[in-house]
């Protein structure tokens, strides 16, 4: 029971995919982090989480971007 704190405001819209990457094939910055695919800006981002006092904060790191309007 409880709630999930807000780490980061990502803007309007909704993700087309959301996952926690638990593998070791991507660079270390992406390991054990939230990865989010957003069709609007055509980008896949990771949100590395860091401890911030008694809570947490996150930053946005682009994993993959595209200029193709059909990118999902």
C-alpha atoms as a PDB file:
ATOM      1  CA  UNK A   1       0.000   0.000   0.000  1.00  0.00           C
ATOM      2  CA  UNK A   2       1.100   3.546  -0.590  1.00  0.00           C
ATOM      3  CA  UNK A   3       1.795   5.836  -3.453  1.00  0.00           C
ATOM      4  CA  UNK A   4       4.388   6.410  -6.133  1.00  0.00           C
ATOM      5  CA  UNK A   5       6.031   9.819  -5.756  1.00  0.00           C
ATOM      6  CA  UNK A   6       6.370  12.136  -8.739  1.00  0.00           C
ATOM      7  CA  UNK A   7       9.982  11.936  -9.926  1.00  0.00           C
ATOM      8  CA  UNK A   8       9.706  14.172 -12.962  1.00  0.00           C
ATOM      9  CA  UNK A   9       6.989  15.970 -14.933  1.00  0.00           C
ATOM     10  CA  UNK A  10       7.321  14.772 -18.539  1.00  0.00           C
ATOM     11  CA  UNK A  11       4.679  17.014 -20.143  1.00  0.00           C
ATOM     12  CA  UNK A  12       1.344  16.461 -21.871  1.00  0.00           C
ATOM     13  CA  UNK A  13       0.464  13.235 -23.659  1.00  0.00           C
ATOM     14  CA  UNK A  14       0.874   9.631 -22.794  1.00  0.00           C
ATOM     15  CA  UNK A  15       3.626   7.064 -23.297  1.00  0.00           C
ATOM     16  CA  UNK A  16       3.287   4.362 -25.939  1.00  0.00           C
ATOM     17  CA  UNK A  17       5.468   2.075 -23.857  1.00  0.00           C
ATOM     18  CA  UNK A  18       6.977   1.987 -20.385  1.00  0.00           C
ATOM     19  CA  UNK A  19       9.421  -0.531 -18.936  1.00  0.00           C
ATOM     20  CA  UNK A  20      12.137  -1.002 -16.342  1.00  0.00           C
ATOM     21  CA  UNK A  21      15.304  -2.190 -18.086  1.00  0.00           C
ATOM     22  CA  UNK A  22      16.941  -4.917 -15.997  1.00  0.00           C
ATOM     23  CA  UNK A  23      19.514  -6.079 -18.549  1.00  0.00           C
ATOM     24  CA  UNK A  24      23.221  -5.332 -18.942  1.00  0.00           C
ATOM     25  CA  UNK A  25      23.479  -4.846 -22.732  1.00  0.00           C
ATOM     26  CA  UNK A  26      22.790  -1.085 -22.741  1.00  0.00           C
ATOM     27  CA  UNK A  27      25.276   1.374 -21.206  1.00  0.00           C
ATOM     28  CA  UNK A  28      25.338   1.569 -17.409  1.00  0.00           C
ATOM     29  CA  UNK A  29      23.308   4.806 -17.259  1.00  0.00           C
ATOM     30  CA  UNK A  30      20.282   2.860 -18.605  1.00  0.00           C
ATOM     31  CA  UNK A  31      20.631  -0.253 -16.425  1.00  0.00           C
ATOM     32  CA  UNK A  32      17.857  -0.754 -13.835  1.00  0.00           C
ATOM     33  CA  UNK A  33      16.145   2.428 -15.009  1.00  0.00           C
ATOM     34  CA  UNK A  34      12.707   3.364 -16.335  1.00  0.00           C
ATOM     35  CA  UNK A  35      12.572   3.555 -20.144  1.00  0.00           C
ATOM     36  CA  UNK A  36       9.652   5.341 -21.796  1.00  0.00           C
ATOM     37  CA  UNK A  37       8.665   5.532 -25.458  1.00  0.00           C
ATOM     38  CA  UNK A  38       6.779   8.683 -26.488  1.00  0.00           C
ATOM     39  CA  UNK A  39       5.328   8.772 -30.002  1.00  0.00           C
ATOM     40  CA  UNK A  40       4.585  12.532 -30.054  1.00  0.00           C
ATOM     41  CA  UNK A  41       8.179  13.812 -29.959  1.00  0.00           C
ATOM     42  CA  UNK A  42       9.414  10.498 -31.495  1.00  0.00           C
ATOM     43  CA  UNK A  43      11.825   9.630 -28.709  1.00  0.00           C
ATOM     44  CA  UNK A  44      12.724   6.785 -26.379  1.00  0.00           C
ATOM     45  CA  UNK A  45      14.004   8.121 -23.057  1.00  0.00           C
ATOM     46  CA  UNK A  46      15.451   6.721 -19.879  1.00  0.00           C
ATOM     47  CA  UNK A  47      14.772   8.365 -16.522  1.00  0.00           C
ATOM     48  CA  UNK A  48      17.757   7.675 -14.249  1.00  0.00           C
ATOM     49  CA  UNK A  49      16.545   8.020 -10.661  1.00  0.00           C
ATOM     50  CA  UNK A  50      18.692   9.480  -7.880  1.00  0.00           C
ATOM     51  CA  UNK A  51      18.123   9.806  -4.153  1.00  0.00           C
ATOM     52  CA  UNK A  52      17.062  13.353  -3.228  1.00  0.00           C
ATOM     53  CA  UNK A  53      16.870  13.798   0.544  1.00  0.00           C
ATOM     54  CA  UNK A  54      14.018  11.604   1.804  1.00  0.00           C
ATOM     55  CA  UNK A  55      12.693  11.135  -1.751  1.00  0.00           C
ATOM     56  CA  UNK A  56      13.898  10.732  -5.289  1.00  0.00           C
ATOM     57  CA  UNK A  57      14.392  12.774  -8.444  1.00  0.00           C
ATOM     58  CA  UNK A  58      14.910  11.811 -12.076  1.00  0.00           C
ATOM     59  CA  UNK A  59      16.476  13.277 -15.185  1.00  0.00           C
ATOM     60  CA  UNK A  60      15.674  12.628 -18.864  1.00  0.00           C
ATOM     61  CA  UNK A  61      18.278  10.927 -21.067  1.00  0.00           C
ATOM     62  CA  UNK A  62      17.452  10.213 -24.724  1.00  0.00           C
ATOM     63  CA  UNK A  63      18.096   6.610 -25.750  1.00  0.00           C
ATOM     64  CA  UNK A  64      16.853   6.897 -29.344  1.00  0.00           C
ATOM     65  CA  UNK A  65      15.232   9.632 -31.454  1.00  0.00           C
ATOM     66  CA  UNK A  66      13.825   9.743 -34.979  1.00  0.00           C
ATOM     67  CA  UNK A  67      12.570  12.203 -37.569  1.00  0.00           C
ATOM     68  CA  UNK A  68      10.228   9.548 -39.050  1.00  0.00           C
ATOM     69  CA  UNK A  69       6.603  10.519 -38.318  1.00  0.00           C
ATOM     70  CA  UNK A  70       5.692   6.804 -38.035  1.00  0.00           C
ATOM     71  CA  UNK A  71       8.296   6.220 -35.293  1.00  0.00           C
ATOM     72  CA  UNK A  72       6.742   4.425 -32.333  1.00  0.00           C
END
